[in-house]
Protein backbone atom coordinates (compact mmCIF):
# COMPACT_ATOMS: atom_id res chain seq x y z
CA MET A 1 -52.75 37.31 17.79
CA LYS A 2 -48.62 37.12 17.40
CA THR A 3 -46.36 34.49 18.52
CA PHE A 4 -43.01 35.28 20.22
CA LEU A 5 -40.12 32.59 20.42
CA SER A 6 -37.86 33.39 23.15
CA PRO A 7 -34.42 33.64 22.18
CA LEU A 8 -32.98 30.52 23.99
CA PHE A 9 -35.31 28.54 21.99
CA ILE A 10 -34.08 30.26 18.74
CA ALA A 11 -30.53 30.10 20.03
CA LEU A 12 -31.15 25.92 20.19
CA VAL A 13 -32.72 25.89 16.87
CA LEU A 14 -29.51 26.97 15.92
CA LEU A 15 -27.40 24.82 17.50
CA LEU A 16 -28.85 22.20 16.22
CA ALA A 17 -28.89 23.18 12.50
CA GLY A 18 -25.22 24.20 12.95
CA THR A 19 -24.45 20.59 13.84
CA GLN A 20 -26.71 18.36 12.83
CA THR A 21 -23.98 16.50 10.94
CA ALA A 22 -21.46 15.71 13.27
CA LEU A 23 -23.78 13.82 15.10
CA GLY A 24 -23.13 9.91 14.65
CA GLN A 25 -19.55 10.38 13.84
CA CYS A 26 -17.18 7.84 15.20
CA ARG A 27 -13.65 7.54 15.13
CA TYR A 28 -11.58 4.65 13.52
CA THR A 29 -8.01 4.18 14.26
CA THR A 30 -6.20 0.91 12.69
CA ASN A 31 -5.67 -1.66 15.19
CA THR A 32 -1.96 -2.14 16.39
CA GLU A 33 -2.26 -5.69 18.11
CA VAL A 34 -2.97 -7.43 15.16
CA PRO A 35 -0.19 -7.87 12.07
CA PRO A 36 -0.19 -4.81 9.62
CA GLY A 37 -2.05 -5.60 6.37
CA GLY A 38 -5.68 -6.88 7.25
CA ASN A 39 -8.48 -5.67 5.25
CA PHE A 40 -10.37 -2.46 5.21
CA SER A 41 -13.58 -4.33 5.20
CA GLU A 42 -12.29 -6.63 9.10
CA ALA A 43 -13.22 -5.44 12.56
CA SER A 44 -9.80 -6.94 13.17
CA THR A 45 -8.60 -4.09 11.77
CA TRP A 46 -9.92 -0.76 13.63
CA THR A 47 -10.08 0.30 17.08
CA ARG A 48 -12.68 2.37 17.79
CA THR A 49 -13.51 5.20 20.13
CA ASP A 50 -17.39 4.48 20.90
CA GLU A 51 -18.13 1.08 20.71
CA THR A 52 -21.58 1.73 20.02
CA CYS A 53 -19.97 2.82 16.62
CA PRO A 54 -20.47 0.23 13.86
CA PRO A 55 -17.34 -2.72 14.05
CA VAL A 56 -15.81 -1.04 10.68
CA PRO A 57 -15.96 2.69 9.18
CA THR A 58 -18.64 4.19 7.89
CA SER A 59 -18.54 6.91 4.45
CA PHE A 60 -19.14 9.39 7.59
CA SER A 61 -16.42 8.26 10.09
CA ILE A 62 -13.03 10.16 11.09
CA ILE A 63 -10.71 7.00 9.51
CA THR A 64 -6.80 7.05 10.85
CA ILE A 65 -4.71 4.41 8.89
CA ASP A 66 -1.38 4.67 10.43
CA ARG A 67 -0.40 1.04 9.28
CA PRO A 68 -0.62 -0.61 6.21
CA VAL A 69 -4.23 -1.82 5.06
CA THR A 70 -5.59 -3.84 2.35
CA PHE A 71 -8.18 -2.08 0.09
CA ASN A 72 -10.57 -4.99 -0.51
CA GLN A 73 -13.95 -3.31 -0.73
CA ASP A 74 -15.12 -0.32 -2.35
CA PHE A 75 -15.78 2.78 -0.39
CA THR A 76 -16.92 6.23 -0.39
CA VAL A 77 -15.88 9.22 2.16
CA SER A 78 -18.08 11.67 2.58
CA GLY A 79 -19.60 14.81 4.22
CA SER A 80 -22.87 17.37 4.29
CA THR A 81 -24.35 19.08 1.09
CA ASN A 82 -24.06 22.26 3.54
CA GLY A 83 -19.79 21.92 3.88
CA LYS A 84 -20.38 22.22 7.92
CA THR A 85 -18.63 18.79 8.28
CA ALA A 86 -17.02 15.92 6.65
CA GLY A 87 -15.98 11.97 7.05
CA SER A 88 -12.18 11.99 6.57
CA MET A 89 -9.44 9.62 5.62
CA THR A 90 -5.78 10.33 6.77
CA ILE A 91 -2.70 8.03 5.85
CA THR A 92 -0.05 8.88 8.52
CA SER A 93 3.66 8.97 7.59
CA ALA A 94 3.42 5.02 8.78
CA GLY A 95 0.36 3.96 7.03
CA SER A 96 -0.81 3.12 3.41
CA LEU A 97 -4.04 1.88 1.52
CA THR A 98 -3.12 -0.53 -0.94
CA GLU A 99 -5.34 -3.12 -3.32
CA ASN A 100 -3.90 -6.68 -2.31
CA PRO A 101 -1.72 -7.92 -5.45
CA LEU A 102 -2.40 -11.46 -4.96
CA THR A 103 -5.56 -10.73 -6.30
CA PRO A 104 -5.43 -8.94 -9.36
CA THR A 105 -8.57 -9.05 -11.37
CA GLN A 106 -10.59 -7.52 -7.85
CA HIS A 107 -10.77 -3.74 -8.52
CA PHE A 108 -11.64 -1.16 -5.88
CA THR A 109 -13.34 2.24 -6.09
CA LEU A 110 -12.17 5.03 -3.27
CA THR A 111 -14.38 7.72 -4.04
CA ILE A 112 -14.35 11.34 -1.92
CA ASP A 113 -17.26 13.27 -2.21
CA HIS A 114 -17.75 16.11 0.13
CA GLY A 115 -15.08 14.45 2.49
CA ILE A 116 -11.76 14.93 3.38
CA LEU A 117 -8.91 12.82 2.39
CA THR A 118 -5.49 13.60 3.90
CA ILE A 119 -2.09 12.12 2.77
CA ASP A 120 0.71 13.10 5.34
CA ALA A 121 3.91 14.44 4.20
CA VAL A 122 7.20 11.62 4.44
CA ALA A 123 10.81 12.15 4.32
CA ASN A 124 11.43 10.93 0.63
CA ARG A 125 9.27 9.65 -2.28
CA SER A 126 9.11 5.56 -1.97
CA VAL A 127 6.55 2.95 -1.32
CA PRO A 128 2.72 4.29 -3.15
CA ARG A 129 0.79 5.61 -0.07
CA LEU A 130 -2.34 4.77 -1.74
CA ASN A 131 -2.58 2.44 -4.51
CA VAL A 132 -6.26 1.81 -6.04
CA SER A 133 -7.91 0.95 -9.21
CA VAL A 134 -10.50 3.66 -9.31
CA LEU A 135 -10.27 7.30 -7.10
CA GLY A 136 -13.30 9.42 -7.84
CA VAL A 137 -13.28 13.06 -6.42
CA ASN A 138 -16.08 15.06 -5.84
CA TYR A 139 -16.81 18.11 -4.37
CA THR A 140 -13.54 19.01 -2.71
CA GLN A 141 -12.03 22.40 -4.03
CA ARG A 142 -10.56 24.99 -1.38
CA GLY A 143 -13.03 27.54 -0.54
CA ILE A 144 -16.37 26.07 -1.30
CA PHE A 145 -16.47 23.15 0.94
CA VAL A 146 -14.48 22.19 3.96
CA ALA A 147 -13.80 19.20 1.98
CA LYS A 148 -10.78 18.38 0.56
CA ALA A 149 -8.44 15.98 -1.53
CA ASN A 150 -4.35 16.54 -0.17
CA ILE A 151 -1.46 14.57 -1.12
CA GLY A 152 1.26 15.95 1.46
CA ALA A 153 5.02 16.34 0.12
CA ASN A 154 6.81 13.47 -0.90
CA SER A 155 4.09 10.93 -0.99
CA THR A 156 3.48 9.21 -3.87
CA VAL A 157 -0.40 8.03 -5.03
CA ASN A 158 -1.25 5.71 -7.54
CA VAL A 159 -4.37 5.10 -9.17
CA ASN A 160 -5.58 3.21 -12.67
CA CYS A 161 -8.16 5.19 -13.09
CA LEU A 162 -8.59 9.33 -11.98
CA MET A 163 -12.67 10.22 -12.08
CA LEU A 164 -12.89 14.38 -11.13
CA GLY A 165 -16.32 14.95 -10.96
CA ASN A 166 -17.95 18.48 -10.03
CA GLN A 167 -15.89 20.39 -8.33
CA GLY A 168 -13.15 17.49 -7.50
CA GLY A 169 -9.96 18.55 -6.67
CA ILE A 170 -6.35 17.18 -5.70
CA GLU A 171 -3.80 19.17 -4.36
CA LEU A 172 -0.12 17.82 -4.09
CA GLY A 173 2.43 18.70 -1.89
CA SER A 174 5.99 19.76 -2.19
CA ASN A 175 7.41 16.27 -5.21
CA ALA A 176 4.58 14.50 -4.51
CA MET A 177 3.77 11.88 -7.53
CA LEU A 178 0.24 11.59 -8.85
CA ASN A 179 0.83 8.28 -10.89
CA ILE A 180 -2.47 7.62 -13.28
CA ALA A 181 -1.35 4.43 -14.73
CA ALA A 182 -4.60 4.28 -17.64
CA ASN A 183 -7.21 7.47 -17.95
CA ILE A 184 -8.26 10.82 -15.75
CA ASP A 185 -12.12 11.54 -16.66
CA VAL A 186 -13.40 15.08 -15.88
CA ALA A 187 -16.62 15.46 -15.88
CA THR A 188 -17.38 19.22 -15.89
CA GLY A 189 -14.78 21.96 -16.12
CA ASN A 190 -13.99 22.70 -13.17
CA GLY A 191 -12.01 19.53 -11.99
CA SER A 192 -8.11 20.47 -11.04
CA ILE A 193 -5.51 18.83 -10.12
CA VAL A 194 -2.52 21.81 -7.92
CA GLY A 195 0.62 21.98 -6.71
CA THR A 196 0.53 23.98 -3.39
CA SER A 197 4.31 24.13 -2.76
CA SER A 198 6.24 27.46 -3.50
CA SER A 199 9.80 25.40 -3.49
CA SER A 200 11.85 24.07 -5.68
CA GLN A 201 10.27 20.47 -5.90
CA PRO A 202 7.24 20.87 -7.72
CA ALA A 203 4.99 18.18 -7.55
CA GLU A 204 4.22 15.62 -10.71
CA ALA A 205 1.59 14.36 -12.14
CA ARG A 206 2.12 11.51 -14.98
CA ILE A 207 -1.43 9.99 -17.07
CA ALA A 208 -0.57 7.29 -18.99
CA GLY A 209 -3.88 6.75 -20.63
CA VAL A 210 -5.65 9.79 -22.41
CA PHE A 211 -8.28 12.97 -21.07
CA THR A 212 -12.10 11.87 -21.53
CA GLY A 213 -14.73 13.60 -19.76
CA ILE A 214 -17.16 16.15 -21.31
CA ASN A 215 -17.47 19.93 -22.26
CA GLY A 216 -14.29 21.13 -22.61
CA GLY A 217 -12.87 19.70 -19.15
CA THR A 218 -9.46 19.56 -19.47
CA ARG A 219 -8.82 23.17 -20.23
CA ASN A 220 -7.99 24.32 -16.35
CA VAL A 221 -7.00 21.06 -14.76
CA PHE A 222 -3.69 21.77 -13.54
CA SER A 223 -2.26 24.59 -11.76
CA GLY A 224 0.37 25.70 -9.71
CA ASN A 225 3.79 24.13 -9.03
CA LEU A 226 3.04 21.41 -10.78
CA LYS A 227 4.93 19.25 -13.40
CA TRP A 228 2.36 17.17 -15.00
CA CYS A 229 3.06 15.44 -18.40
CA MET A 230 0.64 12.86 -20.58
CA VAL A 231 2.48 9.29 -21.71
CA GLY A 232 -0.31 9.25 -24.71
CA GLY A 233 -1.16 5.73 -24.68
CA GLU A 234 -4.86 4.43 -24.96
CA PHE A 235 -6.63 2.69 -22.93
CA SER A 236 -9.89 1.17 -22.63
CA SER A 237 -10.22 0.09 -18.73
CA CYS A 238 -11.92 3.05 -17.17
CA ILE A 239 -15.56 4.08 -17.51
CA PRO A 240 -15.10 7.52 -19.22
CA THR A 241 -18.37 10.37 -18.84
CA GLY A 242 -17.31 11.59 -22.52
CA PRO A 243 -15.17 11.33 -25.77
CA VAL A 244 -11.49 11.62 -25.89
CA GLN A 245 -10.22 15.75 -25.64
CA THR A 246 -7.32 16.99 -26.42
CA PRO A 247 -5.23 17.75 -23.29
CA PRO A 248 -3.99 21.15 -22.12
CA ALA A 249 -1.21 22.65 -23.41
CA GLY A 250 1.89 23.50 -21.36
CA GLY A 251 2.74 20.16 -20.12
CA ASP A 252 6.26 18.92 -19.73
CA PRO A 253 7.29 18.22 -22.98
CA ALA A 254 10.27 15.72 -21.58
CA CYS A 255 7.47 13.39 -20.31
CA ARG A 256 8.06 9.74 -21.51
CA PRO A 257 6.85 6.39 -20.14
CA LEU A 258 7.41 5.10 -16.44
CA PRO A 259 9.99 2.98 -16.23
CA VAL A 260 8.14 -0.23 -15.99
CA THR A 261 4.60 -0.65 -16.56
CA LEU A 262 3.95 -3.76 -13.43
CA VAL A 263 0.91 -5.25 -13.92
CA SER A 264 1.28 -7.72 -11.43
CA PHE A 265 3.15 -8.65 -7.99
CA THR A 266 2.35 -11.71 -5.70
CA ALA A 267 3.86 -13.54 -3.26
CA GLN A 268 3.04 -17.73 -1.78
CA ALA A 269 3.92 -19.67 0.62
CA GLN A 270 5.27 -22.78 -0.02
CA PRO A 271 6.02 -25.84 2.20
CA THR A 272 9.19 -24.08 3.04
CA SER A 273 9.97 -21.27 0.98
CA VAL A 274 8.02 -18.27 -0.34
CA LYS A 275 7.42 -17.97 -4.07
CA LEU A 276 6.93 -14.43 -5.82
CA ASN A 277 6.06 -13.85 -9.14
CA TRP A 278 5.41 -10.62 -11.06
CA ALA A 279 4.81 -9.36 -14.67
CA THR A 280 5.01 -6.12 -16.39
CA ALA A 281 3.63 -5.04 -19.93
CA THR A 282 6.21 -2.65 -20.84
CA GLU A 283 9.49 -1.80 -19.74
CA LEU A 284 12.06 1.29 -20.97
CA ASN A 285 15.74 1.30 -19.86
CA ASN A 286 15.29 -1.58 -16.75
CA ALA A 287 18.22 -2.36 -15.52
CA TYR A 288 17.17 -4.92 -12.34
CA PHE A 289 14.90 -5.73 -9.26
CA GLU A 290 15.74 -5.72 -6.28
CA VAL A 291 13.65 -7.96 -3.82
CA GLN A 292 12.96 -6.41 -0.63
CA ARG A 293 11.51 -8.03 2.49
CA SER A 294 9.84 -6.79 5.70
CA PRO A 295 8.53 -8.14 8.85
CA ASP A 296 6.32 -5.53 9.90
CA GLY A 297 5.30 -3.63 6.68
CA GLN A 298 7.52 -0.26 7.09
CA ALA A 299 11.57 -1.40 7.38
CA PHE A 300 12.37 -3.27 3.93
CA ALA A 301 16.19 -5.48 3.53
CA ALA A 302 17.26 -6.48 0.31
CA LEU A 303 17.10 -10.18 -0.50
CA GLY A 304 18.63 -10.06 -4.07
CA ARG A 305 17.78 -9.29 -7.83
CA VAL A 306 16.64 -10.39 -10.57
CA GLN A 307 18.21 -8.68 -14.11
CA GLY A 308 15.52 -6.55 -16.36
CA ALA A 309 14.56 -7.36 -19.62
CA GLY A 310 16.11 -3.96 -20.56
CA THR A 311 13.42 -2.19 -22.98
CA THR A 312 10.56 -4.28 -24.39
CA SER A 313 7.39 -3.51 -25.11
CA THR A 314 5.42 -6.57 -24.72
CA GLY A 315 6.56 -7.07 -21.28
CA ALA A 316 7.93 -10.27 -19.27
CA ALA A 317 7.58 -12.16 -16.87
CA TYR A 318 9.58 -13.25 -13.12
CA SER A 319 10.39 -14.81 -10.67
CA PHE A 320 12.15 -15.53 -7.24
CA THR A 321 12.11 -17.63 -4.66
CA ASP A 322 12.99 -16.86 -0.73
CA ALA A 323 14.51 -19.98 0.10
CA ARG A 324 14.52 -19.22 3.92
CA PRO A 325 11.03 -17.10 4.61
CA LEU A 326 10.18 -15.31 7.95
CA THR A 327 8.35 -17.64 10.22
CA GLY A 328 4.52 -15.67 10.26
CA ALA A 329 3.66 -12.65 8.15
CA ALA A 330 6.21 -11.17 5.76
CA TYR A 331 5.61 -8.45 3.34
CA TYR A 332 7.91 -8.11 -0.34
CA ARG A 333 8.22 -5.10 -2.15
CA LEU A 334 10.08 -4.92 -5.79
CA ARG A 335 12.60 -2.03 -5.99
CA GLN A 336 12.99 -1.36 -9.80
CA VAL A 337 16.03 0.21 -10.79
CA ASP A 338 17.03 1.93 -14.00
CA HIS A 339 20.09 1.64 -16.00
CA ASP A 340 20.42 5.51 -15.12
CA GLY A 341 20.02 4.66 -11.30
CA THR A 342 16.15 6.14 -11.31
CA GLU A 343 14.34 3.49 -9.10
CA ALA A 344 10.50 3.33 -8.64
CA PHE A 345 9.38 0.51 -5.95
CA SER A 346 5.85 -1.59 -6.44
CA ALA A 347 3.14 -1.86 -4.00
CA VAL A 348 4.22 -4.38 -1.18
CA ALA A 349 2.54 -7.87 -1.40
CA ALA A 350 1.81 -9.56 2.02
CA VAL A 351 2.16 -13.76 2.99
CA THR A 352 2.34 -15.77 5.75
CA SER A 353 3.88 -18.61 6.04
CA SER A 354 2.03 -21.55 7.86
CA SER A 355 5.53 -23.81 7.43
CA LYS A 356 7.52 -25.18 10.11
CA PRO A 357 10.72 -24.01 11.45
CA GLU A 358 13.29 -26.09 9.51
CA ALA A 359 17.07 -26.20 9.86
CA THR A 360 19.62 -26.62 7.34
CA PHE A 361 22.33 -29.60 7.53
CA PHE A 362 26.02 -29.50 6.63
CA PRO A 363 27.21 -31.46 5.23
CA ASN A 364 24.05 -33.88 4.63
CA PRO A 365 24.38 -36.68 5.49
CA GLY A 366 27.63 -36.19 8.10
CA SER A 367 26.84 -33.00 9.75
CA THR A 368 29.18 -31.02 11.49
CA ALA A 369 26.46 -27.60 11.78
CA ILE A 370 23.32 -27.15 11.61
CA THR A 371 22.13 -23.27 10.83
CA LEU A 372 18.85 -22.32 12.54
CA PRO A 373 15.97 -21.31 10.38
CA SER A 374 15.75 -17.37 10.00
CA GLY A 375 13.02 -15.37 12.14
CA ALA A 376 11.09 -12.01 12.24
CA GLY A 377 13.24 -10.93 15.30
CA GLN A 378 12.28 -13.98 17.54
CA LEU A 379 14.30 -16.53 19.37
CA ILE A 380 14.15 -20.05 18.19
CA GLU A 381 14.67 -23.07 20.67
CA TYR A 382 15.82 -26.06 20.24
CA ARG A 383 16.78 -28.99 21.39
CA ILE A 384 18.88 -32.31 20.09
CA TYR A 385 18.39 -35.20 21.63
CA THR A 386 19.11 -39.37 21.39
CA THR A 387 16.25 -41.94 19.78
CA THR A 388 15.69 -42.85 23.43
CA GLY A 389 14.98 -39.21 24.50
CA ARG A 390 18.28 -38.36 25.80
CA THR A 391 19.23 -34.65 25.52
CA ILE A 392 22.38 -33.80 24.43
CA LEU A 393 22.08 -30.20 23.90
CA THR A 394 19.97 -27.49 24.17
CA GLY A 395 19.34 -23.42 24.12
CA ARG A 396 17.63 -20.40 22.71
CA VAL A 397 19.20 -18.34 20.34
CA ALA A 398 18.00 -16.06 17.81
CA GLY A 399 16.98 -17.00 13.92
CA GLY A 400 20.03 -17.84 11.53
CA THR A 401 21.99 -19.22 13.94
CA SER A 402 24.77 -21.84 13.17
CA LEU A 403 25.36 -24.56 15.56
CA ASP A 404 28.40 -26.20 15.97
CA VAL A 405 27.84 -29.66 16.29
CA GLN A 406 30.82 -31.37 15.51
CA GLN A 407 31.60 -32.55 19.81
CA ILE A 408 28.56 -34.61 19.21
CA PRO A 409 28.83 -38.36 19.58
CA VAL A 410 28.41 -40.43 15.75
CA GLY A 411 24.32 -41.51 15.44
CA LEU A 412 21.32 -40.90 14.61
CA TYR A 413 19.73 -37.85 16.41
CA LEU A 414 16.48 -35.84 16.89
CA LEU A 415 16.41 -31.74 16.52
CA GLU A 416 13.46 -29.70 18.23
CA LEU A 417 12.41 -26.64 16.81
CA SER A 418 9.84 -24.49 18.57
CA THR A 419 9.71 -20.67 17.31
CA ASP A 420 6.49 -18.40 17.45
CA GLY A 421 3.74 -21.16 18.57
CA GLN A 422 5.10 -23.66 15.74
CA ARG A 423 7.30 -27.07 16.56
CA ASN A 424 9.13 -28.92 14.27
CA VAL A 425 11.10 -32.49 14.93
CA GLN A 426 13.67 -33.06 12.08
CA ARG A 427 16.54 -36.56 11.85
CA PHE A 428 20.14 -36.20 11.11
CA VAL A 429 22.94 -38.11 11.09
CA ARG A 430 26.10 -37.34 12.79
CA GLN A 431 29.12 -39.19 11.16
């Protein structure tokens, strides 16, 4: 007896076979209602398109990062082995994914395995868009799977260890930069780093450590419009899949160590200030550091300069105090400048100041001028009153405004400040 399947049943089976991997995918976008810099693992960082989805992304999710996000856990972007569909992570021109410099002993791994990593192009190469301890890339070569790892034009990626697995490939756009602070490990002979642009600005890849791996995996790693070089150091922070290998021929003979090897950068809130500390392992022709601050993690302004150590193989320690910090969240970064004008930027350090708003008095005692604390664009309400409660002067002005109080009679007064939900009262004497 013969059994015939209806055309409708066959079509249904084929449809389910082709779309089974797409079922259950959830979409996540960084939440614009909370301050930038939220942890990747926290639900408050994300907005879900479907409330039935888990509160935080999973490996098969479609993730869009369009604000600064702190990478605080190991995570894998994965897809189906049949190449039909994939989980994806997109870092837009306004977004970044970086480990927290306040916890330099914590190291996390981002793995792209049959998944898609896309880092959008930006106007100019500056702050790293991706900064993680370990980046693992497997099964991403174009033409084999839908998956890929693509670093857009002018974007910078900093990793400590790069692990290229089977068919693991990274594509770099025009003037994109891949900085590998330690080793690159190639598990098979199929790993690749490709410059995809045909413009006059090739992509760059710098490896400060050594090649490790098995089966001659380094032979065909680099191709396309790409300028690459090896500093040739000795690092043991990466777990190799095989012994040290000879680098492939064709590297940039003018390769030199990156100007500064930054090993830590922290920002710590003090009662009335923010203390910045950073340290380097090595320096080459380092002229100075420019300390920059931002209220939103995107638009930065210079605060001051700290002289560099020039050239040193033993490193140096630095500090800087922001004596007039922003109220609430603030973001700091370092702009490192060589003697020849070459510049590079550190990762961003976020801090939340819980200190009460405080004004400064000049002279003190005998105040004739009061400077209100600076703020992240918010207004400050002030009230000057006597010890009996009688109001002398009141108003609402921008942070950093100077008040002339010479017209106030001699005596003891109280200054009440209110901003961003915080309140503080200070005594001062008018002589």
